[in-house]
Protein backbone atom coordinates (compact mmCIF):
# COMPACT_ATOMS: atom_id res chain seq x y z
CA UNK A 1 44.11 32.99 60.42
CA UNK A 2 42.18 30.76 58.01
CA UNK A 3 38.38 31.18 58.36
CA UNK A 4 36.79 29.64 61.39
CA UNK A 5 40.19 28.35 62.66
CA UNK A 6 40.40 28.23 66.39
CA UNK A 7 43.25 30.38 67.73
CA UNK A 8 44.43 32.59 70.71
CA UNK A 9 46.85 35.29 71.61
CA UNK A 10 49.48 34.93 74.28
CA UNK A 11 51.92 37.44 75.65
CA UNK A 12 55.11 35.43 76.40
CA UNK A 13 57.02 38.63 77.25
CA UNK A 14 57.22 40.87 80.23
CA UNK A 15 55.86 43.97 78.60
CA UNK A 16 52.34 44.96 78.08
CA UNK A 17 50.98 43.93 74.67
CA UNK A 18 48.34 45.94 72.74
CA UNK A 19 46.59 43.81 70.10
CA UNK A 20 44.23 44.92 67.39
CA UNK A 21 42.37 42.39 65.51
CA UNK A 22 40.38 43.43 62.28
CA UNK A 23 37.58 41.31 61.06
CA UNK A 24 36.07 41.08 57.52
CA UNK A 25 32.60 40.41 58.89
CA UNK A 26 30.33 43.07 60.47
CA UNK A 27 29.60 40.87 63.57
CA UNK A 28 31.93 39.23 66.01
CA UNK A 29 31.52 35.82 67.69
CA UNK A 30 33.83 33.94 69.91
CA UNK A 31 33.87 30.47 71.47
CA UNK A 32 34.67 29.94 75.04
CA UNK A 33 36.93 26.88 75.58
CA UNK A 34 35.40 26.33 78.94
CA UNK A 35 31.88 26.70 77.77
CA UNK A 36 32.64 24.30 74.80
CA UNK A 37 34.10 21.68 77.21
CA UNK A 38 31.13 22.06 79.52
CA UNK A 39 28.67 21.56 76.71
CA UNK A 40 30.45 18.50 75.24
CA UNK A 41 29.77 15.07 76.97
CA UNK A 42 31.94 14.80 79.97
CA UNK A 43 33.11 11.28 79.19
CA UNK A 44 34.25 12.45 75.67
CA UNK A 45 36.29 15.41 77.18
CA UNK A 46 37.60 13.49 80.06
CA UNK A 47 38.93 10.57 77.96
CA UNK A 48 40.38 12.66 75.23
CA UNK A 49 42.09 15.37 77.37
CA UNK A 50 42.78 13.13 80.46
CA UNK A 51 41.00 15.32 82.73
CA UNK A 52 39.82 14.63 86.31
CA UNK A 53 35.99 14.34 86.37
CA UNK A 54 36.03 16.62 89.43
CA UNK A 55 37.36 19.43 87.29
CA UNK A 56 34.76 18.80 84.60
CA UNK A 57 31.93 19.35 87.03
CA UNK A 58 33.27 22.97 87.73
CA UNK A 59 33.05 24.24 84.13
CA UNK A 60 30.57 26.87 83.35
CA UNK A 61 27.87 26.12 80.45
CA UNK A 62 27.53 29.98 80.07
CA UNK A 63 30.49 32.04 78.78
CA UNK A 64 32.27 33.85 81.46
CA UNK A 65 34.29 36.88 80.25
CA UNK A 66 37.74 37.45 81.65
CA UNK A 67 37.27 41.17 81.29
CA UNK A 68 33.85 42.71 82.09
CA UNK A 69 32.46 45.20 79.76
CA UNK A 70 31.32 47.39 82.69
CA UNK A 71 33.46 50.48 83.62
């Protein structure tokens, strides 16, 4: 992927996919789409993505991981 280019991984098959991503940097940062949308003015997100204002109210301003780091 080009530097700083947004992207995602999607498994479109029926089998488990194991994915290994290697970074050139010694630190990792990610951007939560939900968090980004929650921190962007609601009028801007709603008008550009044609989203219901009620849905925009439910977005979290703090990143909520899909998988917990706790075992």
